[in-house]
């Protein structure tokens, strides 16, 4: 029996979360075209006949001096210390740049076994050889699999490769588990996903969702959730509320559908928007939502 903690690291928008969802066969991490959608070390659990892999999906490694971005960067770095294997994800549609070199330099100093995944290889603009060469040049002869989270290309090969390098060990979680996220965390992330996929520019980065209450009625099969969408400025609040409340109404309806899929209940969602000025500079808030 094999068992391993696998830290996933790569640049923003490399497709790490989509790859995690594809490997686990469940929606564990939210996805969005917006960079740095992932803000936490999101755990996904894959149990197979060969054993169990516990994935840590980390925020995209982004070079920035901003306080909030530094928090996200540290989550990615710290996860490497807790892992048995490292899954490095490169984007085949983008040229390796300065951030890629920083990640590869960081990984070159690790003693942990590294597996590479060159992702988005299904796209016409993909140039996987360039990403493959950049990784091999810095990390040596590591296993590198060409993948596509969208089509499933290379997913099983990647899983098999990870298991082949995993150490012997007992299951870390019961077989039926596919994540250990709390209901509050999952609900907040699913709502945030619906928001950030509808807004542009700086607004996605200025949003965090706070769950005030969750109540379950088993007899009626209902789940009541009261949540607040927090932004930094009144203008951002106006965007999310929308003309005559159109945007927040759409977010609520789509969130209810996604929450119902995950929780298996009919959802009643009370959703409000409030302003928390410059929350990304407030340690008490950042430490509460970024961990």
C-alpha atoms as a PDB file:
ATOM      1  CA  UNK A   1       0.000   0.000   0.000  1.00  0.00           C
ATOM      2  CA  UNK A   2       1.344   3.415  -1.032  1.00  0.00           C
ATOM      3  CA  UNK A   3       0.601   6.701   0.746  1.00  0.00           C
ATOM      4  CA  UNK A   4       1.964  10.181   0.023  1.00  0.00           C
ATOM      5  CA  UNK A   5       1.372  13.886   0.545  1.00  0.00           C
ATOM      6  CA  UNK A   6       1.816  15.634  -2.819  1.00  0.00           C
ATOM      7  CA  UNK A   7       2.388  19.385  -2.960  1.00  0.00           C
ATOM      8  CA  UNK A   8       1.300  21.009  -6.240  1.00  0.00           C
ATOM      9  CA  UNK A   9       3.235  24.114  -7.273  1.00  0.00           C
ATOM     10  CA  UNK A  10       3.350  26.267 -10.385  1.00  0.00           C
ATOM     11  CA  UNK A  11       2.730  29.735 -11.770  1.00  0.00           C
ATOM     12  CA  UNK A  12      -0.703  31.388 -11.523  1.00  0.00           C
ATOM     13  CA  UNK A  13      -3.160  30.041 -14.109  1.00  0.00           C
ATOM     14  CA  UNK A  14      -1.040  26.997 -14.954  1.00  0.00           C
ATOM     15  CA  UNK A  15      -4.117  24.831 -14.382  1.00  0.00           C
ATOM     16  CA  UNK A  16      -3.109  23.343 -11.024  1.00  0.00           C
ATOM     17  CA  UNK A  17      -6.634  23.332  -9.578  1.00  0.00           C
ATOM     18  CA  UNK A  18      -8.160  21.889 -12.749  1.00  0.00           C
ATOM     19  CA  UNK A  19      -5.500  19.184 -12.728  1.00  0.00           C
ATOM     20  CA  UNK A  20      -6.284  18.390  -9.089  1.00  0.00           C
ATOM     21  CA  UNK A  21      -9.991  18.077  -9.855  1.00  0.00           C
ATOM     22  CA  UNK A  22      -9.256  15.832 -12.834  1.00  0.00           C
ATOM     23  CA  UNK A  23      -7.003  13.508 -10.814  1.00  0.00           C
ATOM     24  CA  UNK A  24      -9.459  13.218  -7.915  1.00  0.00           C
ATOM     25  CA  UNK A  25     -12.531  12.949 -10.133  1.00  0.00           C
ATOM     26  CA  UNK A  26     -14.334  15.518  -7.969  1.00  0.00           C
ATOM     27  CA  UNK A  27     -14.679  19.301  -7.819  1.00  0.00           C
ATOM     28  CA  UNK A  28     -12.382  20.085  -4.923  1.00  0.00           C
ATOM     29  CA  UNK A  29     -10.757  23.370  -5.897  1.00  0.00           C
ATOM     30  CA  UNK A  30     -12.557  26.274  -7.566  1.00  0.00           C
ATOM     31  CA  UNK A  31     -11.286  27.367 -10.971  1.00  0.00           C
ATOM     32  CA  UNK A  32     -11.284  30.647 -12.853  1.00  0.00           C
ATOM     33  CA  UNK A  33      -9.391  32.392 -15.678  1.00  0.00           C
ATOM     34  CA  UNK A  34      -8.385  35.005 -13.079  1.00  0.00           C
ATOM     35  CA  UNK A  35      -4.821  34.510 -11.776  1.00  0.00           C
ATOM     36  CA  UNK A  36      -4.369  33.524  -8.120  1.00  0.00           C
ATOM     37  CA  UNK A  37      -7.844  32.088  -7.712  1.00  0.00           C
ATOM     38  CA  UNK A  38      -6.458  29.596  -5.176  1.00  0.00           C
ATOM     39  CA  UNK A  39      -5.620  31.267  -1.846  1.00  0.00           C
ATOM     40  CA  UNK A  40      -5.097  28.269   0.437  1.00  0.00           C
ATOM     41  CA  UNK A  41      -3.444  24.873   0.468  1.00  0.00           C
ATOM     42  CA  UNK A  42      -6.594  23.085  -0.684  1.00  0.00           C
ATOM     43  CA  UNK A  43      -6.557  19.367   0.078  1.00  0.00           C
ATOM     44  CA  UNK A  44      -7.788  16.736  -2.358  1.00  0.00           C
ATOM     45  CA  UNK A  45      -7.695  13.021  -1.604  1.00  0.00           C
ATOM     46  CA  UNK A  46      -7.370  10.255  -4.197  1.00  0.00           C
ATOM     47  CA  UNK A  47      -7.812   6.684  -3.001  1.00  0.00           C
ATOM     48  CA  UNK A  48      -7.065   3.918  -5.506  1.00  0.00           C
ATOM     49  CA  UNK A  49      -6.117   0.221  -5.374  1.00  0.00           C
ATOM     50  CA  UNK A  50      -2.465   1.302  -5.204  1.00  0.00           C
ATOM     51  CA  UNK A  51      -3.050   3.424  -2.077  1.00  0.00           C
ATOM     52  CA  UNK A  52      -3.819   7.056  -1.316  1.00  0.00           C
ATOM     53  CA  UNK A  53      -2.489  10.435  -2.464  1.00  0.00           C
ATOM     54  CA  UNK A  54      -3.212  13.586  -0.446  1.00  0.00           C
ATOM     55  CA  UNK A  55      -2.781  16.595  -2.742  1.00  0.00           C
ATOM     56  CA  UNK A  56      -2.032  20.111  -1.499  1.00  0.00           C
ATOM     57  CA  UNK A  57      -3.140  22.558  -4.198  1.00  0.00           C
ATOM     58  CA  UNK A  58      -1.273  25.790  -3.473  1.00  0.00           C
ATOM     59  CA  UNK A  59      -1.717  29.394  -4.702  1.00  0.00           C
ATOM     60  CA  UNK A  60       0.084  30.224  -7.917  1.00  0.00           C
ATOM     61  CA  UNK A  61       3.675  31.218  -7.193  1.00  0.00           C
ATOM     62  CA  UNK A  62       3.662  34.919  -8.047  1.00  0.00           C
ATOM     63  CA  UNK A  63       6.614  37.276  -7.659  1.00  0.00           C
ATOM     64  CA  UNK A  64       5.312  40.347  -5.837  1.00  0.00           C
ATOM     65  CA  UNK A  65       6.192  42.564  -2.896  1.00  0.00           C
ATOM     66  CA  UNK A  66       2.548  43.174  -1.976  1.00  0.00           C
ATOM     67  CA  UNK A  67       1.741  41.908   1.509  1.00  0.00           C
ATOM     68  CA  UNK A  68      -1.216  39.749   0.435  1.00  0.00           C
ATOM     69  CA  UNK A  69       0.703  38.161  -2.445  1.00  0.00           C
ATOM     70  CA  UNK A  70       3.574  37.409  -0.074  1.00  0.00           C
ATOM     71  CA  UNK A  71       1.139  35.495   2.155  1.00  0.00           C
ATOM     72  CA  UNK A  72       0.072  33.402  -0.848  1.00  0.00           C
ATOM     73  CA  UNK A  73       3.656  32.791  -1.899  1.00  0.00           C
ATOM     74  CA  UNK A  74       4.558  31.541   1.584  1.00  0.00           C
ATOM     75  CA  UNK A  75       1.706  29.028   1.520  1.00  0.00           C
ATOM     76  CA  UNK A  76       3.197  27.486  -1.612  1.00  0.00           C
ATOM     77  CA  UNK A  77       6.716  27.443  -0.169  1.00  0.00           C
ATOM     78  CA  UNK A  78       5.656  26.049   3.209  1.00  0.00           C
ATOM     79  CA  UNK A  79       3.713  23.211   1.614  1.00  0.00           C
ATOM     80  CA  UNK A  80       6.942  21.826   0.154  1.00  0.00           C
ATOM     81  CA  UNK A  81       8.172  21.047   3.655  1.00  0.00           C
ATOM     82  CA  UNK A  82       5.105  18.913   4.392  1.00  0.00           C
ATOM     83  CA  UNK A  83       5.205  16.769   1.266  1.00  0.00           C
ATOM     84  CA  UNK A  84       6.514  13.351   0.252  1.00  0.00           C
ATOM     85  CA  UNK A  85       6.345  14.290  -3.435  1.00  0.00           C
ATOM     86  CA  UNK A  86       6.220  17.576  -5.352  1.00  0.00           C
ATOM     87  CA  UNK A  87       4.088  17.951  -8.472  1.00  0.00           C
ATOM     88  CA  UNK A  88       5.433  20.838 -10.541  1.00  0.00           C
ATOM     89  CA  UNK A  89       2.886  22.107 -13.092  1.00  0.00           C
ATOM     90  CA  UNK A  90       4.008  24.139 -16.102  1.00  0.00           C
ATOM     91  CA  UNK A  91       1.749  25.844 -18.631  1.00  0.00           C
ATOM     92  CA  UNK A  92       2.519  24.637 -22.173  1.00  0.00           C
ATOM     93  CA  UNK A  93       0.836  27.720 -23.662  1.00  0.00           C
ATOM     94  CA  UNK A  94       3.209  30.261 -22.068  1.00  0.00           C
ATOM     95  CA  UNK A  95       6.891  30.860 -22.461  1.00  0.00           C
ATOM     96  CA  UNK A  96       8.899  30.180 -19.281  1.00  0.00           C
ATOM     97  CA  UNK A  97       9.543  33.566 -17.715  1.00  0.00           C
ATOM     98  CA  UNK A  98      11.126  35.024 -14.610  1.00  0.00           C
ATOM     99  CA  UNK A  99       8.536  33.503 -12.268  1.00  0.00           C
ATOM    100  CA  UNK A 100       9.062  30.088 -13.828  1.00  0.00           C
ATOM    101  CA  UNK A 101      12.782  30.397 -13.233  1.00  0.00           C
ATOM    102  CA  UNK A 102      12.164  31.366  -9.599  1.00  0.00           C
ATOM    103  CA  UNK A 103      10.006  28.280  -9.087  1.00  0.00           C
ATOM    104  CA  UNK A 104      12.514  25.992 -10.779  1.00  0.00           C
ATOM    105  CA  UNK A 105      15.338  27.504  -8.725  1.00  0.00           C
ATOM    106  CA  UNK A 106      13.315  26.911  -5.553  1.00  0.00           C
ATOM    107  CA  UNK A 107      12.593  23.320  -6.550  1.00  0.00           C
ATOM    108  CA  UNK A 108      16.214  22.630  -7.489  1.00  0.00           C
ATOM    109  CA  UNK A 109      17.107  23.077  -3.808  1.00  0.00           C
ATOM    110  CA  UNK A 110      14.556  20.497  -2.607  1.00  0.00           C
ATOM    111  CA  UNK A 111      15.498  16.964  -1.624  1.00  0.00           C
ATOM    112  CA  UNK A 112      11.965  15.690  -2.267  1.00  0.00           C
ATOM    113  CA  UNK A 113      11.190  13.717  -5.443  1.00  0.00           C
ATOM    114  CA  UNK A 114       9.693  16.008  -8.101  1.00  0.00           C
ATOM    115  CA  UNK A 115       7.253  14.939 -10.824  1.00  0.00           C
ATOM    116  CA  UNK A 116       6.578  17.366 -13.676  1.00  0.00           C
ATOM    117  CA  UNK A 117       3.300  17.943 -15.522  1.00  0.00           C
ATOM    118  CA  UNK A 118       3.303  20.091 -18.648  1.00  0.00           C
ATOM    119  CA  UNK A 119      -0.359  21.092 -18.710  1.00  0.00           C
ATOM    120  CA  UNK A 120      -2.777  22.429 -21.371  1.00  0.00           C
ATOM    121  CA  UNK A 121      -1.139  20.296 -24.057  1.00  0.00           C
ATOM    122  CA  UNK A 122      -4.471  19.966 -25.877  1.00  0.00           C
ATOM    123  CA  UNK A 123      -4.483  23.625 -26.935  1.00  0.00           C
ATOM    124  CA  UNK A 124      -3.284  24.569 -30.470  1.00  0.00           C
ATOM    125  CA  UNK A 125      -0.844  27.176 -29.115  1.00  0.00           C
ATOM    126  CA  UNK A 126       0.793  24.706 -26.714  1.00  0.00           C
ATOM    127  CA  UNK A 127       4.571  24.267 -26.976  1.00  0.00           C
ATOM    128  CA  UNK A 128       5.263  21.491 -24.464  1.00  0.00           C
ATOM    129  CA  UNK A 129       8.842  20.924 -25.607  1.00  0.00           C
ATOM    130  CA  UNK A 130       9.857  24.397 -24.377  1.00  0.00           C
ATOM    131  CA  UNK A 131       8.392  23.824 -20.901  1.00  0.00           C
ATOM    132  CA  UNK A 132       9.865  20.320 -20.815  1.00  0.00           C
ATOM    133  CA  UNK A 133      13.313  21.610 -21.704  1.00  0.00           C
ATOM    134  CA  UNK A 134      13.192  24.413 -19.102  1.00  0.00           C
ATOM    135  CA  UNK A 135      12.252  21.944 -16.353  1.00  0.00           C
ATOM    136  CA  UNK A 136      14.837  19.355 -17.371  1.00  0.00           C
ATOM    137  CA  UNK A 137      17.564  22.008 -17.581  1.00  0.00           C
ATOM    138  CA  UNK A 138      17.001  23.106 -13.961  1.00  0.00           C
ATOM    139  CA  UNK A 139      15.774  19.894 -12.312  1.00  0.00           C
ATOM    140  CA  UNK A 140      17.582  17.166 -14.221  1.00  0.00           C
ATOM    141  CA  UNK A 141      16.029  13.895 -15.303  1.00  0.00           C
ATOM    142  CA  UNK A 142      12.709  13.972 -13.479  1.00  0.00           C
ATOM    143  CA  UNK A 143       9.563  12.256 -14.806  1.00  0.00           C
ATOM    144  CA  UNK A 144       7.612  14.780 -16.903  1.00  0.00           C
ATOM    145  CA  UNK A 145       4.108  13.972 -18.154  1.00  0.00           C
ATOM    146  CA  UNK A 146       2.207  15.922 -20.803  1.00  0.00           C
ATOM    147  CA  UNK A 147      -1.317  16.560 -19.544  1.00  0.00           C
ATOM    148  CA  UNK A 148      -4.618  18.273 -20.211  1.00  0.00           C
ATOM    149  CA  UNK A 149      -7.072  18.671 -17.354  1.00  0.00           C
ATOM    150  CA  UNK A 150      -9.724  19.575 -19.952  1.00  0.00           C
ATOM    151  CA  UNK A 151      -9.481  16.403 -22.059  1.00  0.00           C
ATOM    152  CA  UNK A 152      -7.969  13.951 -19.561  1.00  0.00           C
ATOM    153  CA  UNK A 153      -4.766  13.586 -21.577  1.00  0.00           C
ATOM    154  CA  UNK A 154      -2.021  12.061 -19.422  1.00  0.00           C
ATOM    155  CA  UNK A 155      -4.073  12.125 -16.191  1.00  0.00           C
ATOM    156  CA  UNK A 156      -3.906   8.386 -15.504  1.00  0.00           C
ATOM    157  CA  UNK A 157      -0.236   8.286 -16.497  1.00  0.00           C
ATOM    158  CA  UNK A 158       0.445  11.105 -14.049  1.00  0.00           C
ATOM    159  CA  UNK A 159      -1.426   9.302 -11.253  1.00  0.00           C
ATOM    160  CA  UNK A 160       0.470   6.072 -11.957  1.00  0.00           C
ATOM    161  CA  UNK A 161       3.783   7.957 -11.917  1.00  0.00           C
ATOM    162  CA  UNK A 162       2.986   9.587  -8.579  1.00  0.00           C
ATOM    163  CA  UNK A 163       2.053   6.236  -7.035  1.00  0.00           C
ATOM    164  CA  UNK A 164       5.226   4.646  -8.405  1.00  0.00           C
ATOM    165  CA  UNK A 165       7.324   7.176  -6.481  1.00  0.00           C
ATOM    166  CA  UNK A 166       5.150   7.250  -3.341  1.00  0.00           C
ATOM    167  CA  UNK A 167       6.497   5.573  -0.186  1.00  0.00           C
ATOM    168  CA  UNK A 168       4.835   2.616   1.485  1.00  0.00           C
ATOM    169  CA  UNK A 169       2.298   3.667   4.108  1.00  0.00           C
ATOM    170  CA  UNK A 170      -1.194   3.385   5.513  1.00  0.00           C
ATOM    171  CA  UNK A 171      -4.161   5.431   4.326  1.00  0.00           C
ATOM    172  CA  UNK A 172      -4.171   8.951   5.739  1.00  0.00           C
ATOM    173  CA  UNK A 173      -7.965   9.295   5.456  1.00  0.00           C
ATOM    174  CA  UNK A 174     -10.932   6.908   5.196  1.00  0.00           C
ATOM    175  CA  UNK A 175     -11.493   5.631   1.654  1.00  0.00           C
ATOM    176  CA  UNK A 176     -14.714   7.610   1.137  1.00  0.00           C
ATOM    177  CA  UNK A 177     -13.027  10.992   1.769  1.00  0.00           C
ATOM    178  CA  UNK A 178     -12.081  13.139  -1.244  1.00  0.00           C
ATOM    179  CA  UNK A 179     -11.314  16.314   0.753  1.00  0.00           C
ATOM    180  CA  UNK A 180     -11.055  17.405   4.385  1.00  0.00           C
ATOM    181  CA  UNK A 181     -12.320  20.949   3.833  1.00  0.00           C
ATOM    182  CA  UNK A 182     -14.916  22.254   6.283  1.00  0.00           C
ATOM    183  CA  UNK A 183     -18.446  22.939   4.963  1.00  0.00           C
ATOM    184  CA  UNK A 184     -17.919  26.657   5.651  1.00  0.00           C
ATOM    185  CA  UNK A 185     -14.732  26.744   3.577  1.00  0.00           C
ATOM    186  CA  UNK A 186     -16.300  24.851   0.671  1.00  0.00           C
ATOM    187  CA  UNK A 187     -19.381  27.064   0.668  1.00  0.00           C
ATOM    188  CA  UNK A 188     -17.318  30.269   0.765  1.00  0.00           C
ATOM    189  CA  UNK A 189     -15.099  29.092  -2.098  1.00  0.00           C
ATOM    190  CA  UNK A 190     -18.003  28.026  -4.313  1.00  0.00           C
ATOM    191  CA  UNK A 191     -19.689  31.407  -3.842  1.00  0.00           C
ATOM    192  CA  UNK A 192     -16.412  33.242  -4.504  1.00  0.00           C
ATOM    193  CA  UNK A 193     -15.992  31.254  -7.720  1.00  0.00           C
ATOM    194  CA  UNK A 194     -19.359  32.485  -8.992  1.00  0.00           C
ATOM    195  CA  UNK A 195     -18.381  36.073  -8.217  1.00  0.00           C
ATOM    196  CA  UNK A 196     -14.896  36.136  -9.716  1.00  0.00           C
ATOM    197  CA  UNK A 197     -16.034  34.463 -12.927  1.00  0.00           C
ATOM    198  CA  UNK A 198     -18.379  37.393 -13.538  1.00  0.00           C
ATOM    199  CA  UNK A 199     -16.074  40.340 -12.833  1.00  0.00           C
ATOM    200  CA  UNK A 200     -12.815  41.606 -14.308  1.00  0.00           C
ATOM    201  CA  UNK A 201      -9.665  43.615 -13.643  1.00  0.00           C
ATOM    202  CA  UNK A 202      -8.859  44.119  -9.945  1.00  0.00           C
ATOM    203  CA  UNK A 203     -12.267  43.102  -8.552  1.00  0.00           C
ATOM    204  CA  UNK A 204     -11.583  39.306  -8.282  1.00  0.00           C
ATOM    205  CA  UNK A 205      -8.568  39.965  -6.055  1.00  0.00           C
ATOM    206  CA  UNK A 206     -10.576  42.310  -3.821  1.00  0.00           C
ATOM    207  CA  UNK A 207     -13.255  39.698  -3.006  1.00  0.00           C
ATOM    208  CA  UNK A 208     -13.500  37.339  -0.087  1.00  0.00           C
ATOM    209  CA  UNK A 209     -16.578  35.481   1.153  1.00  0.00           C
ATOM    210  CA  UNK A 210     -17.527  35.130   4.792  1.00  0.00           C
ATOM    211  CA  UNK A 211     -20.004  32.464   5.922  1.00  0.00           C
ATOM    212  CA  UNK A 212     -22.109  33.782   8.826  1.00  0.00           C
ATOM    213  CA  UNK A 213     -24.400  30.782   9.392  1.00  0.00           C
ATOM    214  CA  UNK A 214     -25.061  27.291   8.057  1.00  0.00           C
ATOM    215  CA  UNK A 215     -28.110  25.343   9.232  1.00  0.00           C
ATOM    216  CA  UNK A 216     -29.343  21.944   8.053  1.00  0.00           C
ATOM    217  CA  UNK A 217     -32.859  20.525   8.063  1.00  0.00           C
ATOM    218  CA  UNK A 218     -32.423  16.801   7.446  1.00  0.00           C
ATOM    219  CA  UNK A 219     -36.154  16.123   7.247  1.00  0.00           C
ATOM    220  CA  UNK A 220     -36.731  18.708   4.515  1.00  0.00           C
ATOM    221  CA  UNK A 221     -33.374  18.091   2.850  1.00  0.00           C
ATOM    222  CA  UNK A 222     -32.605  21.795   3.056  1.00  0.00           C
ATOM    223  CA  UNK A 223     -29.417  23.713   3.782  1.00  0.00           C
ATOM    224  CA  UNK A 224     -29.672  27.383   4.818  1.00  0.00           C
ATOM    225  CA  UNK A 225     -26.566  29.532   4.305  1.00  0.00           C
ATOM    226  CA  UNK A 226     -26.092  33.206   5.168  1.00  0.00           C
ATOM    227  CA  UNK A 227     -22.989  34.709   3.565  1.00  0.00           C
ATOM    228  CA  UNK A 228     -21.315  38.066   2.947  1.00  0.00           C
ATOM    229  CA  UNK A 229     -19.312  38.971  -0.138  1.00  0.00           C
ATOM    230  CA  UNK A 230     -16.640  41.410   1.045  1.00  0.00           C
ATOM    231  CA  UNK A 231     -14.941  43.955  -1.197  1.00  0.00           C
ATOM    232  CA  UNK A 232     -12.612  46.882  -0.565  1.00  0.00           C
ATOM    233  CA  UNK A 233     -14.473  49.810  -2.186  1.00  0.00           C
ATOM    234  CA  UNK A 234     -18.020  51.045  -2.700  1.00  0.00           C
ATOM    235  CA  UNK A 235     -17.462  51.018  -6.473  1.00  0.00           C
ATOM    236  CA  UNK A 236     -16.670  47.285  -6.302  1.00  0.00           C
ATOM    237  CA  UNK A 237     -19.816  46.707  -4.261  1.00  0.00           C
ATOM    238  CA  UNK A 238     -21.812  48.433  -6.982  1.00  0.00           C
ATOM    239  CA  UNK A 239     -20.311  46.166  -9.636  1.00  0.00           C
ATOM    240  CA  UNK A 240     -21.174  42.984  -7.732  1.00  0.00           C
ATOM    241  CA  UNK A 241     -24.687  44.132  -6.811  1.00  0.00           C
ATOM    242  CA  UNK A 242     -25.280  45.170 -10.428  1.00  0.00           C
ATOM    243  CA  UNK A 243     -28.027  47.259 -11.993  1.00  0.00           C
ATOM    244  CA  UNK A 244     -31.181  46.797  -9.914  1.00  0.00           C
ATOM    245  CA  UNK A 245     -29.500  43.881  -8.159  1.00  0.00           C
ATOM    246  CA  UNK A 246     -29.062  41.840 -11.341  1.00  0.00           C
ATOM    247  CA  UNK A 247     -25.498  40.658 -10.681  1.00  0.00           C
ATOM    248  CA  UNK A 248     -25.971  39.572  -7.074  1.00  0.00           C
ATOM    249  CA  UNK A 249     -29.190  37.802  -8.089  1.00  0.00           C
ATOM    250  CA  UNK A 250     -27.315  35.810 -10.754  1.00  0.00           C
ATOM    251  CA  UNK A 251     -24.503  35.005  -8.306  1.00  0.00           C
ATOM    252  CA  UNK A 252     -27.011  33.757  -5.744  1.00  0.00           C
ATOM    253  CA  UNK A 253     -28.848  31.521  -8.221  1.00  0.00           C
ATOM    254  CA  UNK A 254     -25.687  29.995  -9.707  1.00  0.00           C
ATOM    255  CA  UNK A 255     -24.152  29.561  -6.236  1.00  0.00           C
ATOM    256  CA  UNK A 256     -27.231  27.678  -5.066  1.00  0.00           C
ATOM    257  CA  UNK A 257     -26.888  25.256  -7.993  1.00  0.00           C
ATOM    258  CA  UNK A 258     -23.190  24.619  -7.327  1.00  0.00           C
ATOM    259  CA  UNK A 259     -23.732  24.265  -3.575  1.00  0.00           C
ATOM    260  CA  UNK A 260     -26.543  21.765  -4.177  1.00  0.00           C
ATOM    261  CA  UNK A 261     -24.242  19.621  -6.327  1.00  0.00           C
ATOM    262  CA  UNK A 262     -21.591  19.495  -3.609  1.00  0.00           C
ATOM    263  CA  UNK A 263     -23.755  19.180  -0.486  1.00  0.00           C
ATOM    264  CA  UNK A 264     -26.653  17.159  -1.876  1.00  0.00           C
ATOM    265  CA  UNK A 265     -29.308  19.428  -0.333  1.00  0.00           C
ATOM    266  CA  UNK A 266     -31.713  22.023  -1.640  1.00  0.00           C
ATOM    267  CA  UNK A 267     -30.033  25.349  -0.893  1.00  0.00           C
ATOM    268  CA  UNK A 268     -31.506  28.532   0.520  1.00  0.00           C
ATOM    269  CA  UNK A 269     -28.828  31.218   0.237  1.00  0.00           C
ATOM    270  CA  UNK A 270     -29.017  34.663   1.841  1.00  0.00           C
ATOM    271  CA  UNK A 271     -26.264  36.667   0.149  1.00  0.00           C
ATOM    272  CA  UNK A 272     -25.197  40.250   0.941  1.00  0.00           C
ATOM    273  CA  UNK A 273     -22.316  42.501  -0.151  1.00  0.00           C
ATOM    274  CA  UNK A 274     -20.375  44.692   2.261  1.00  0.00           C
ATOM    275  CA  UNK A 275     -17.266  46.880   2.135  1.00  0.00           C
ATOM    276  CA  UNK A 276     -14.136  46.108   4.162  1.00  0.00           C
ATOM    277  CA  UNK A 277     -11.698  48.917   3.200  1.00  0.00           C
ATOM    278  CA  UNK A 278      -8.164  47.687   2.370  1.00  0.00           C
ATOM    279  CA  UNK A 279      -8.820  44.261   3.909  1.00  0.00           C
ATOM    280  CA  UNK A 280      -5.804  42.767   2.086  1.00  0.00           C
ATOM    281  CA  UNK A 281      -3.570  44.892   4.344  1.00  0.00           C
ATOM    282  CA  UNK A 282      -5.269  43.783   7.567  1.00  0.00           C
ATOM    283  CA  UNK A 283      -3.478  40.850   9.171  1.00  0.00           C
ATOM    284  CA  UNK A 284      -6.471  39.718  11.225  1.00  0.00           C
ATOM    285  CA  UNK A 285      -8.599  39.262   8.086  1.00  0.00           C
ATOM    286  CA  UNK A 286      -5.811  37.843   5.883  1.00  0.00           C
ATOM    287  CA  UNK A 287      -4.796  35.295   8.524  1.00  0.00           C
ATOM    288  CA  UNK A 288      -8.419  34.201   8.836  1.00  0.00           C
ATOM    289  CA  UNK A 289      -8.986  33.545   5.116  1.00  0.00           C
ATOM    290  CA  UNK A 290      -5.469  32.588   3.949  1.00  0.00           C
ATOM    291  CA  UNK A 291      -4.046  29.488   5.623  1.00  0.00           C
END
